[in-house]
Amino acid sequence: MNNNGLQMMDKDYLTTILEIEKNMSNNYSIAMNEASTDDLYETFFDMFTNIKDMARDLYDLMNHYGWYKIESVEEQKIDSAIQKLKQQLNRIEE
């Protein structure tokens, strides 16, 4: 227990770590875009890949324990979302 009498649970720790991993991958993506040399780009890319793999492992672990559930969606909602995206793409291409 901490001084406030609150105890962080495994789910809380993993949720925090997963959020940190997501933020780090976003930052490495920006760093790759701004890398001044191919060697620097490759270094950032390797780090980005490792972080994304760790984030995926954390997600899988949390999903395994039921702490990060995948929402099931009806096929009709998926088709509707695809159609909206296609319409947006068509407007952009015009």
PDB file of N, CA and C in Angstrom:
ATOM      1  N   MET A   1       0.836  -1.187   0.000  1.00  0.00           N
ATOM      2  CA  MET A   1       0.000   0.000   0.000  1.00  0.00           C
ATOM      3  C   MET A   1       0.872   1.239   0.000  1.00  0.00           C
ATOM      4  N   ASN A   2       0.389   2.259  -0.667  1.00  0.00           N
ATOM      5  CA  ASN A   2       1.111   3.517  -0.633  1.00  0.00           C
ATOM      6  C   ASN A   2       0.631   4.367   0.537  1.00  0.00           C
ATOM      7  N   ASN A   3       1.157   5.558   0.663  1.00  0.00           N
ATOM      8  CA  ASN A   3       0.834   6.422   1.799  1.00  0.00           C
ATOM      9  C   ASN A   3      -0.630   6.839   1.844  1.00  0.00           C
ATOM     10  N   ASN A   4      -1.311   6.841   0.726  1.00  0.00           N
ATOM     11  CA  ASN A   4      -2.713   7.233   0.675  1.00  0.00           C
ATOM     12  C   ASN A   4      -3.652   6.078   0.989  1.00  0.00           C
ATOM     13  N   GLY A   5      -3.105   4.910   1.253  1.00  0.00           N
ATOM     14  CA  GLY A   5      -3.925   3.754   1.524  1.00  0.00           C
ATOM     15  C   GLY A   5      -4.459   3.093   0.268  1.00  0.00           C
ATOM     16  N   LEU A   6      -3.989   3.529  -0.897  1.00  0.00           N
ATOM     17  CA  LEU A   6      -4.429   2.952  -2.156  1.00  0.00           C
ATOM     18  C   LEU A   6      -3.379   1.984  -2.665  1.00  0.00           C
ATOM     19  N   GLN A   7      -3.808   0.928  -3.250  1.00  0.00           N
ATOM     20  CA  GLN A   7      -2.886  -0.064  -3.775  1.00  0.00           C
ATOM     21  C   GLN A   7      -3.134  -0.212  -5.273  1.00  0.00           C
ATOM     22  N   MET A   8      -2.065  -0.062  -6.062  1.00  0.00           N
ATOM     23  CA  MET A   8      -2.206  -0.282  -7.498  1.00  0.00           C
ATOM     24  C   MET A   8      -2.216  -1.775  -7.767  1.00  0.00           C
ATOM     25  N   MET A   9      -3.087  -2.165  -8.624  1.00  0.00           N
ATOM     26  CA  MET A   9      -3.196  -3.566  -8.977  1.00  0.00           C
ATOM     27  C   MET A   9      -2.429  -3.814 -10.273  1.00  0.00           C
ATOM     28  N   ASP A  10      -2.193  -5.081 -10.591  1.00  0.00           N
ATOM     29  CA  ASP A  10      -1.466  -5.439 -11.805  1.00  0.00           C
ATOM     30  C   ASP A  10      -2.093  -4.792 -13.038  1.00  0.00           C
ATOM     31  N   LYS A  11      -3.422  -4.786 -13.089  1.00  0.00           N
ATOM     32  CA  LYS A  11      -4.107  -4.179 -14.226  1.00  0.00           C
ATOM     33  C   LYS A  11      -3.720  -2.715 -14.366  1.00  0.00           C
ATOM     34  N   ASP A  12      -3.659  -1.993 -13.249  1.00  0.00           N
ATOM     35  CA  ASP A  12      -3.313  -0.572 -13.281  1.00  0.00           C
ATOM     36  C   ASP A  12      -1.895  -0.362 -13.787  1.00  0.00           C
ATOM     37  N   TYR A  13      -0.971  -1.184 -13.312  1.00  0.00           N
ATOM     38  CA  TYR A  13       0.417  -1.079 -13.769  1.00  0.00           C
ATOM     39  C   TYR A  13       0.520  -1.336 -15.264  1.00  0.00           C
ATOM     40  N   LEU A  14      -0.107  -2.417 -15.711  1.00  0.00           N
ATOM     41  CA  LEU A  14      -0.023  -2.765 -17.128  1.00  0.00           C
ATOM     42  C   LEU A  14      -0.708  -1.732 -18.013  1.00  0.00           C
ATOM     43  N   THR A  15      -1.810  -1.168 -17.549  1.00  0.00           N
ATOM     44  CA  THR A  15      -2.484  -0.125 -18.306  1.00  0.00           C
ATOM     45  C   THR A  15      -1.573   1.088 -18.462  1.00  0.00           C
ATOM     46  N   THR A  16      -0.920   1.469 -17.387  1.00  0.00           N
ATOM     47  CA  THR A  16       0.002   2.608 -17.428  1.00  0.00           C
ATOM     48  C   THR A  16       1.176   2.326 -18.352  1.00  0.00           C
ATOM     49  N   ILE A  17       1.753   1.153 -18.231  1.00  0.00           N
ATOM     50  CA  ILE A  17       2.897   0.798 -19.068  1.00  0.00           C
ATOM     51  C   ILE A  17       2.498   0.744 -20.536  1.00  0.00           C
ATOM     52  N   LEU A  18       1.321   0.198 -20.830  1.00  0.00           N
ATOM     53  CA  LEU A  18       0.860   0.138 -22.219  1.00  0.00           C
ATOM     54  C   LEU A  18       0.682   1.544 -22.786  1.00  0.00           C
ATOM     55  N   GLU A  19       0.128   2.451 -22.018  1.00  0.00           N
ATOM     56  CA  GLU A  19      -0.021   3.835 -22.479  1.00  0.00           C
ATOM     57  C   GLU A  19       1.339   4.471 -22.747  1.00  0.00           C
ATOM     58  N   ILE A  20       2.306   4.207 -21.883  1.00  0.00           N
ATOM     59  CA  ILE A  20       3.661   4.733 -22.087  1.00  0.00           C
ATOM     60  C   ILE A  20       4.253   4.165 -23.371  1.00  0.00           C
ATOM     61  N   GLU A  21       4.085   2.873 -23.598  1.00  0.00           N
ATOM     62  CA  GLU A  21       4.590   2.235 -24.817  1.00  0.00           C
ATOM     63  C   GLU A  21       3.953   2.849 -26.061  1.00  0.00           C
ATOM     64  N   LYS A  22       2.655   3.102 -26.015  1.00  0.00           N
ATOM     65  CA  LYS A  22       1.970   3.715 -27.154  1.00  0.00           C
ATOM     66  C   LYS A  22       2.534   5.109 -27.428  1.00  0.00           C
ATOM     67  N   ASN A  23       2.714   5.881 -26.388  1.00  0.00           N
ATOM     68  CA  ASN A  23       3.266   7.230 -26.554  1.00  0.00           C
ATOM     69  C   ASN A  23       4.694   7.187 -27.087  1.00  0.00           C
ATOM     70  N   MET A  24       5.483   6.247 -26.591  1.00  0.00           N
ATOM     71  CA  MET A  24       6.859   6.126 -27.073  1.00  0.00           C
ATOM     72  C   MET A  24       6.886   5.760 -28.554  1.00  0.00           C
ATOM     73  N   SER A  25       6.009   4.866 -28.977  1.00  0.00           N
ATOM     74  CA  SER A  25       5.995   4.484 -30.389  1.00  0.00           C
ATOM     75  C   SER A  25       5.594   5.667 -31.261  1.00  0.00           C
ATOM     76  N   ASN A  26       4.668   6.482 -30.786  1.00  0.00           N
ATOM     77  CA  ASN A  26       4.305   7.693 -31.537  1.00  0.00           C
ATOM     78  C   ASN A  26       5.503   8.624 -31.666  1.00  0.00           C
ATOM     79  N   ASN A  27       6.246   8.788 -30.587  1.00  0.00           N
ATOM     80  CA  ASN A  27       7.415   9.668 -30.616  1.00  0.00           C
ATOM     81  C   ASN A  27       8.512   9.114 -31.530  1.00  0.00           C
ATOM     82  N   TYR A  28       8.713   7.808 -31.518  1.00  0.00           N
ATOM     83  CA  TYR A  28       9.712   7.234 -32.428  1.00  0.00           C
ATOM     84  C   TYR A  28       9.284   7.360 -33.879  1.00  0.00           C
ATOM     85  N   SER A  29       7.992   7.304 -34.136  1.00  0.00           N
ATOM     86  CA  SER A  29       7.506   7.503 -35.493  1.00  0.00           C
ATOM     87  C   SER A  29       7.865   8.905 -35.985  1.00  0.00           C
ATOM     88  N   ILE A  30       7.693   9.896 -35.128  1.00  0.00           N
ATOM     89  CA  ILE A  30       8.078  11.260 -35.481  1.00  0.00           C
ATOM     90  C   ILE A  30       9.582  11.346 -35.679  1.00  0.00           C
ATOM     91  N   ALA A  31      10.336  10.712 -34.786  1.00  0.00           N
ATOM     92  CA  ALA A  31      11.800  10.745 -34.899  1.00  0.00           C
ATOM     93  C   ALA A  31      12.270  10.118 -36.208  1.00  0.00           C
ATOM     94  N   MET A  32      11.625   9.037 -36.632  1.00  0.00           N
ATOM     95  CA  MET A  32      12.000   8.413 -37.903  1.00  0.00           C
ATOM     96  C   MET A  32      11.769   9.373 -39.062  1.00  0.00           C
ATOM     97  N   ASN A  33      10.648  10.076 -39.028  1.00  0.00           N
ATOM     98  CA  ASN A  33      10.353  11.034 -40.101  1.00  0.00           C
ATOM     99  C   ASN A  33      11.377  12.159 -40.152  1.00  0.00           C
ATOM    100  N   GLU A  34      11.952  12.494 -39.019  1.00  0.00           N
ATOM    101  CA  GLU A  34      12.867  13.625 -38.950  1.00  0.00           C
ATOM    102  C   GLU A  34      14.335  13.217 -38.879  1.00  0.00           C
ATOM    103  N   ALA A  35      14.610  11.928 -38.999  1.00  0.00           N
ATOM    104  CA  ALA A  35      15.998  11.452 -38.924  1.00  0.00           C
ATOM    105  C   ALA A  35      16.825  12.052 -40.053  1.00  0.00           C
ATOM    106  N   SER A  36      18.008  12.533 -39.705  1.00  0.00           N
ATOM    107  CA  SER A  36      18.841  13.233 -40.693  1.00  0.00           C
ATOM    108  C   SER A  36      19.731  12.297 -41.509  1.00  0.00           C
ATOM    109  N   THR A  37      19.895  11.059 -41.057  1.00  0.00           N
ATOM    110  CA  THR A  37      20.721  10.100 -41.803  1.00  0.00           C
ATOM    111  C   THR A  37      20.024   8.750 -41.850  1.00  0.00           C
ATOM    112  N   ASP A  38      20.434   7.926 -42.792  1.00  0.00           N
ATOM    113  CA  ASP A  38      19.866   6.575 -42.884  1.00  0.00           C
ATOM    114  C   ASP A  38      20.195   5.750 -41.643  1.00  0.00           C
ATOM    115  N   ASP A  39      21.426   5.903 -41.120  1.00  0.00           N
ATOM    116  CA  ASP A  39      21.805   5.148 -39.918  1.00  0.00           C
ATOM    117  C   ASP A  39      20.931   5.529 -38.729  1.00  0.00           C
ATOM    118  N   LEU A  40      20.670   6.816 -38.574  1.00  0.00           N
ATOM    119  CA  LEU A  40      19.821   7.270 -37.480  1.00  0.00           C
ATOM    120  C   LEU A  40      18.398   6.759 -37.664  1.00  0.00           C
ATOM    121  N   TYR A  41      17.913   6.803 -38.901  1.00  0.00           N
ATOM    122  CA  TYR A  41      16.588   6.273 -39.205  1.00  0.00           C
ATOM    123  C   TYR A  41      16.502   4.796 -38.824  1.00  0.00           C
ATOM    124  N   GLU A  42      17.503   4.010 -39.212  1.00  0.00           N
ATOM    125  CA  GLU A  42      17.504   2.575 -38.909  1.00  0.00           C
ATOM    126  C   GLU A  42      17.527   2.323 -37.401  1.00  0.00           C
ATOM    127  N   THR A  43      18.287   3.128 -36.681  1.00  0.00           N
ATOM    128  CA  THR A  43      18.331   2.992 -35.223  1.00  0.00           C
ATOM    129  C   THR A  43      16.957   3.262 -34.623  1.00  0.00           C
ATOM    130  N   PHE A  44      16.330   4.360 -35.041  1.00  0.00           N
ATOM    131  CA  PHE A  44      14.991   4.686 -34.546  1.00  0.00           C
ATOM    132  C   PHE A  44      13.987   3.611 -34.952  1.00  0.00           C
ATOM    133  N   PHE A  45      14.121   3.101 -36.182  1.00  0.00           N
ATOM    134  CA  PHE A  45      13.195   2.077 -36.655  1.00  0.00           C
ATOM    135  C   PHE A  45      13.305   0.808 -35.810  1.00  0.00           C
ATOM    136  N   ASP A  46      14.535   0.398 -35.494  1.00  0.00           N
ATOM    137  CA  ASP A  46      14.726  -0.788 -34.651  1.00  0.00           C
ATOM    138  C   ASP A  46      14.099  -0.586 -33.269  1.00  0.00           C
ATOM    139  N   MET A  47      14.292   0.597 -32.706  1.00  0.00           N
ATOM    140  CA  MET A  47      13.718   0.894 -31.389  1.00  0.00           C
ATOM    141  C   MET A  47      12.189   0.930 -31.475  1.00  0.00           C
ATOM    142  N   PHE A  48      11.674   1.534 -32.541  1.00  0.00           N
ATOM    143  CA  PHE A  48      10.236   1.595 -32.769  1.00  0.00           C
ATOM    144  C   PHE A  48       9.643   0.187 -32.846  1.00  0.00           C
ATOM    145  N   THR A  49      10.293  -0.676 -33.607  1.00  0.00           N
ATOM    146  CA  THR A  49       9.812  -2.048 -33.763  1.00  0.00           C
ATOM    147  C   THR A  49       9.795  -2.778 -32.421  1.00  0.00           C
ATOM    148  N   ASN A  50      10.852  -2.620 -31.631  1.00  0.00           N
ATOM    149  CA  ASN A  50      10.901  -3.265 -30.315  1.00  0.00           C
ATOM    150  C   ASN A  50       9.787  -2.759 -29.406  1.00  0.00           C
ATOM    151  N   ILE A  51       9.552  -1.466 -29.426  1.00  0.00           N
ATOM    152  CA  ILE A  51       8.502  -0.892 -28.575  1.00  0.00           C
ATOM    153  C   ILE A  51       7.132  -1.377 -29.021  1.00  0.00           C
ATOM    154  N   LYS A  52       6.889  -1.419 -30.340  1.00  0.00           N
ATOM    155  CA  LYS A  52       5.604  -1.908 -30.832  1.00  0.00           C
ATOM    156  C   LYS A  52       5.397  -3.367 -30.455  1.00  0.00           C
ATOM    157  N   ASP A  53       6.465  -4.175 -30.523  1.00  0.00           N
ATOM    158  CA  ASP A  53       6.364  -5.581 -30.119  1.00  0.00           C
ATOM    159  C   ASP A  53       6.038  -5.701 -28.632  1.00  0.00           C
ATOM    160  N   MET A  54       6.683  -4.876 -27.807  1.00  0.00           N
ATOM    161  CA  MET A  54       6.404  -4.908 -26.371  1.00  0.00           C
ATOM    162  C   MET A  54       4.968  -4.476 -26.087  1.00  0.00           C
ATOM    163  N   ALA A  55       4.510  -3.448 -26.791  1.00  0.00           N
ATOM    164  CA  ALA A  55       3.134  -2.986 -26.598  1.00  0.00           C
ATOM    165  C   ALA A  55       2.147  -4.080 -26.987  1.00  0.00           C
ATOM    166  N   ARG A  56       2.435  -4.773 -28.055  1.00  0.00           N
ATOM    167  CA  ARG A  56       1.549  -5.858 -28.487  1.00  0.00           C
ATOM    168  C   ARG A  56       1.535  -6.989 -27.462  1.00  0.00           C
ATOM    169  N   ASP A  57       2.718  -7.317 -26.911  1.00  0.00           N
ATOM    170  CA  ASP A  57       2.791  -8.347 -25.868  1.00  0.00           C
ATOM    171  C   ASP A  57       1.992  -7.935 -24.634  1.00  0.00           C
ATOM    172  N   LEU A  58       2.090  -6.660 -24.247  1.00  0.00           N
ATOM    173  CA  LEU A  58       1.311  -6.163 -23.104  1.00  0.00           C
ATOM    174  C   LEU A  58      -0.183  -6.251 -23.398  1.00  0.00           C
ATOM    175  N   TYR A  59      -0.574  -5.841 -24.590  1.00  0.00           N
ATOM    176  CA  TYR A  59      -1.979  -5.940 -24.977  1.00  0.00           C
ATOM    177  C   TYR A  59      -2.461  -7.387 -24.898  1.00  0.00           C
ATOM    178  N   ASP A  60      -1.676  -8.308 -25.466  1.00  0.00           N
ATOM    179  CA  ASP A  60      -2.053  -9.724 -25.430  1.00  0.00           C
ATOM    180  C   ASP A  60      -2.198 -10.227 -23.999  1.00  0.00           C
ATOM    181  N   LEU A  61      -1.268  -9.832 -23.127  1.00  0.00           N
ATOM    182  CA  LEU A  61      -1.329 -10.243 -21.722  1.00  0.00           C
ATOM    183  C   LEU A  61      -2.585  -9.688 -21.057  1.00  0.00           C
ATOM    184  N   MET A  62      -2.858  -8.416 -21.280  1.00  0.00           N
ATOM    185  CA  MET A  62      -4.045  -7.807 -20.682  1.00  0.00           C
ATOM    186  C   MET A  62      -5.322  -8.432 -21.235  1.00  0.00           C
ATOM    187  N   ASN A  63      -5.336  -8.725 -22.518  1.00  0.00           N
ATOM    188  CA  ASN A  63      -6.494  -9.369 -23.120  1.00  0.00           C
ATOM    189  C   ASN A  63      -6.686 -10.767 -22.538  1.00  0.00           C
ATOM    190  N   HIS A  64      -5.589 -11.471 -22.317  1.00  0.00           N
ATOM    191  CA  HIS A  64      -5.640 -12.815 -21.732  1.00  0.00           C
ATOM    192  C   HIS A  64      -6.344 -12.798 -20.371  1.00  0.00           C
ATOM    193  N   TYR A  65      -6.065 -11.782 -19.559  1.00  0.00           N
ATOM    194  CA  TYR A  65      -6.670 -11.680 -18.231  1.00  0.00           C
ATOM    195  C   TYR A  65      -8.024 -10.972 -18.244  1.00  0.00           C
ATOM    196  N   GLY A  66      -8.480 -10.570 -19.428  1.00  0.00           N
ATOM    197  CA  GLY A  66      -9.778  -9.924 -19.531  1.00  0.00           C
ATOM    198  C   GLY A  66      -9.750  -8.455 -19.161  1.00  0.00           C
ATOM    199  N   TRP A  67      -8.572  -7.848 -19.145  1.00  0.00           N
ATOM    200  CA  TRP A  67      -8.424  -6.442 -18.760  1.00  0.00           C
ATOM    201  C   TRP A  67      -8.472  -5.513 -19.958  1.00  0.00           C
ATOM    202  N   TYR A  68      -8.412  -6.042 -21.146  1.00  0.00           N
ATOM    203  CA  TYR A  68      -8.433  -5.244 -22.373  1.00  0.00           C
ATOM    204  C   TYR A  68      -9.183  -6.083 -23.392  1.00  0.00           C
ATOM    205  N   LYS A  69     -10.485  -5.926 -23.390  1.00  0.00           N
ATOM    206  CA  LYS A  69     -11.318  -6.787 -24.228  1.00  0.00           C
ATOM    207  C   LYS A  69     -11.541  -6.192 -25.607  1.00  0.00           C
ATOM    208  N   ILE A  70     -11.671  -7.087 -26.552  1.00  0.00           N
ATOM    209  CA  ILE A  70     -11.987  -6.710 -27.915  1.00  0.00           C
ATOM    210  C   ILE A  70     -13.504  -6.659 -28.040  1.00  0.00           C
ATOM    211  N   GLU A  71     -13.989  -5.528 -28.510  1.00  0.00           N
ATOM    212  CA  GLU A  71     -15.427  -5.377 -28.688  1.00  0.00           C
ATOM    213  C   GLU A  71     -15.838  -6.060 -29.985  1.00  0.00           C
ATOM    214  N   SER A  72     -16.835  -6.917 -29.900  1.00  0.00           N
ATOM    215  CA  SER A  72     -17.324  -7.543 -31.125  1.00  0.00           C
ATOM    216  C   SER A  72     -18.280  -6.566 -31.807  1.00  0.00           C
ATOM    217  N   VAL A  73     -18.197  -6.551 -33.114  1.00  0.00           N
ATOM    218  CA  VAL A  73     -18.989  -5.614 -33.901  1.00  0.00           C
ATOM    219  C   VAL A  73     -19.768  -6.393 -34.950  1.00  0.00           C
ATOM    220  N   GLU A  74     -20.983  -5.945 -35.167  1.00  0.00           N
ATOM    221  CA  GLU A  74     -21.812  -6.585 -36.190  1.00  0.00           C
ATOM    222  C   GLU A  74     -21.227  -6.308 -37.575  1.00  0.00           C
ATOM    223  N   GLU A  75     -21.373  -7.266 -38.449  1.00  0.00           N
ATOM    224  CA  GLU A  75     -20.869  -7.151 -39.817  1.00  0.00           C
ATOM    225  C   GLU A  75     -21.431  -5.913 -40.512  1.00  0.00           C
ATOM    226  N   GLN A  76     -22.684  -5.588 -40.225  1.00  0.00           N
ATOM    227  CA  GLN A  76     -23.326  -4.430 -40.844  1.00  0.00           C
ATOM    228  C   GLN A  76     -22.604  -3.129 -40.456  1.00  0.00           C
ATOM    229  N   LYS A  77     -22.163  -3.010 -39.213  1.00  0.00           N
ATOM    230  CA  LYS A  77     -21.439  -1.816 -38.776  1.00  0.00           C
ATOM    231  C   LYS A  77     -20.074  -1.714 -39.463  1.00  0.00           C
ATOM    232  N   ILE A  78     -19.441  -2.844 -39.659  1.00  0.00           N
ATOM    233  CA  ILE A  78     -18.154  -2.856 -40.363  1.00  0.00           C
ATOM    234  C   ILE A  78     -18.350  -2.403 -41.800  1.00  0.00           C
ATOM    235  N   ASP A  79     -19.360  -2.959 -42.473  1.00  0.00           N
ATOM    236  CA  ASP A  79     -19.643  -2.581 -43.853  1.00  0.00           C
ATOM    237  C   ASP A  79     -19.970  -1.093 -43.961  1.00  0.00           C
ATOM    238  N   SER A  80     -20.727  -0.589 -43.005  1.00  0.00           N
ATOM    239  CA  SER A  80     -21.084   0.826 -42.996  1.00  0.00           C
ATOM    240  C   SER A  80     -19.838   1.705 -42.842  1.00  0.00           C
ATOM    241  N   ALA A  81     -18.932   1.325 -41.954  1.00  0.00           N
ATOM    242  CA  ALA A  81     -17.700   2.089 -41.750  1.00  0.00           C
ATOM    243  C   ALA A  81     -16.832   2.062 -43.007  1.00  0.00           C
ATOM    244  N   ILE A  82     -16.774   0.927 -43.665  1.00  0.00           N
ATOM    245  CA  ILE A  82     -16.001   0.806 -44.908  1.00  0.00           C
ATOM    246  C   ILE A  82     -16.581   1.722 -45.969  1.00  0.00           C
ATOM    247  N   GLN A  83     -17.897   1.748 -46.084  1.00  0.00           N
ATOM    248  CA  GLN A  83     -18.540   2.604 -47.080  1.00  0.00           C
ATOM    249  C   GLN A  83     -18.270   4.084 -46.805  1.00  0.00           C
ATOM    250  N   LYS A  84     -18.310   4.489 -45.539  1.00  0.00           N
ATOM    251  CA  LYS A  84     -18.016   5.882 -45.180  1.00  0.00           C
ATOM    252  C   LYS A  84     -16.583   6.249 -45.554  1.00  0.00           C
ATOM    253  N   LEU A  85     -15.654   5.346 -45.272  1.00  0.00           N
ATOM    254  CA  LEU A  85     -14.261   5.605 -45.614  1.00  0.00           C
ATOM    255  C   LEU A  85     -14.059   5.689 -47.123  1.00  0.00           C
ATOM    256  N   LYS A  86     -14.733   4.836 -47.863  1.00  0.00           N
ATOM    257  CA  LYS A  86     -14.640   4.882 -49.325  1.00  0.00           C
ATOM    258  C   LYS A  86     -15.193   6.198 -49.858  1.00  0.00           C
ATOM    259  N   GLN A  87     -16.286   6.661 -49.284  1.00  0.00           N
ATOM    260  CA  GLN A  87     -16.860   7.938 -49.712  1.00  0.00           C
ATOM    261  C   GLN A  87     -15.895   9.089 -49.420  1.00  0.00           C
ATOM    262  N   GLN A  88     -15.272   9.059 -48.244  1.00  0.00           N
ATOM    263  CA  GLN A  88     -14.305  10.103 -47.900  1.00  0.00           C
ATOM    264  C   GLN A  88     -13.112  10.063 -48.855  1.00  0.00           C
ATOM    265  N   LEU A  89     -12.643   8.885 -49.172  1.00  0.00           N
ATOM    266  CA  LEU A  89     -11.528   8.737 -50.101  1.00  0.00           C
ATOM    267  C   LEU A  89     -11.894   9.268 -51.482  1.00  0.00           C
ATOM    268  N   ASN A  90     -13.094   8.959 -51.937  1.00  0.00           N
ATOM    269  CA  ASN A  90     -13.554   9.465 -53.243  1.00  0.00           C
ATOM    270  C   ASN A  90     -13.597  10.987 -53.269  1.00  0.00           C
ATOM    271  N   ARG A  91     -14.056  11.595 -52.165  1.00  0.00           N
ATOM    272  CA  ARG A  91     -14.091  13.063 -52.101  1.00  0.00           C
ATOM    273  C   ARG A  91     -12.689  13.651 -52.139  1.00  0.00           C
ATOM    274  N   ILE A  92     -11.748  12.991 -51.498  1.00  0.00           N
ATOM    275  CA  ILE A  92     -10.369  13.469 -51.485  1.00  0.00           C
ATOM    276  C   ILE A  92      -9.757  13.371 -52.878  1.00  0.00           C
ATOM    277  N   GLU A  93     -10.061  12.293 -53.589  1.00  0.00           N
ATOM    278  CA  GLU A  93      -9.488  12.066 -54.910  1.00  0.00           C
ATOM    279  C   GLU A  93     -10.081  12.988 -55.968  1.00  0.00           C
ATOM    280  N   GLU A  94     -11.254  13.556 -55.723  1.00  0.00           N
ATOM    281  CA  GLU A  94     -11.909  14.412 -56.721  1.00  0.00           C
ATOM    282  C   GLU A  94     -11.227  15.735 -56.859  1.00  0.00           C
TER     283      GLU A  94
END
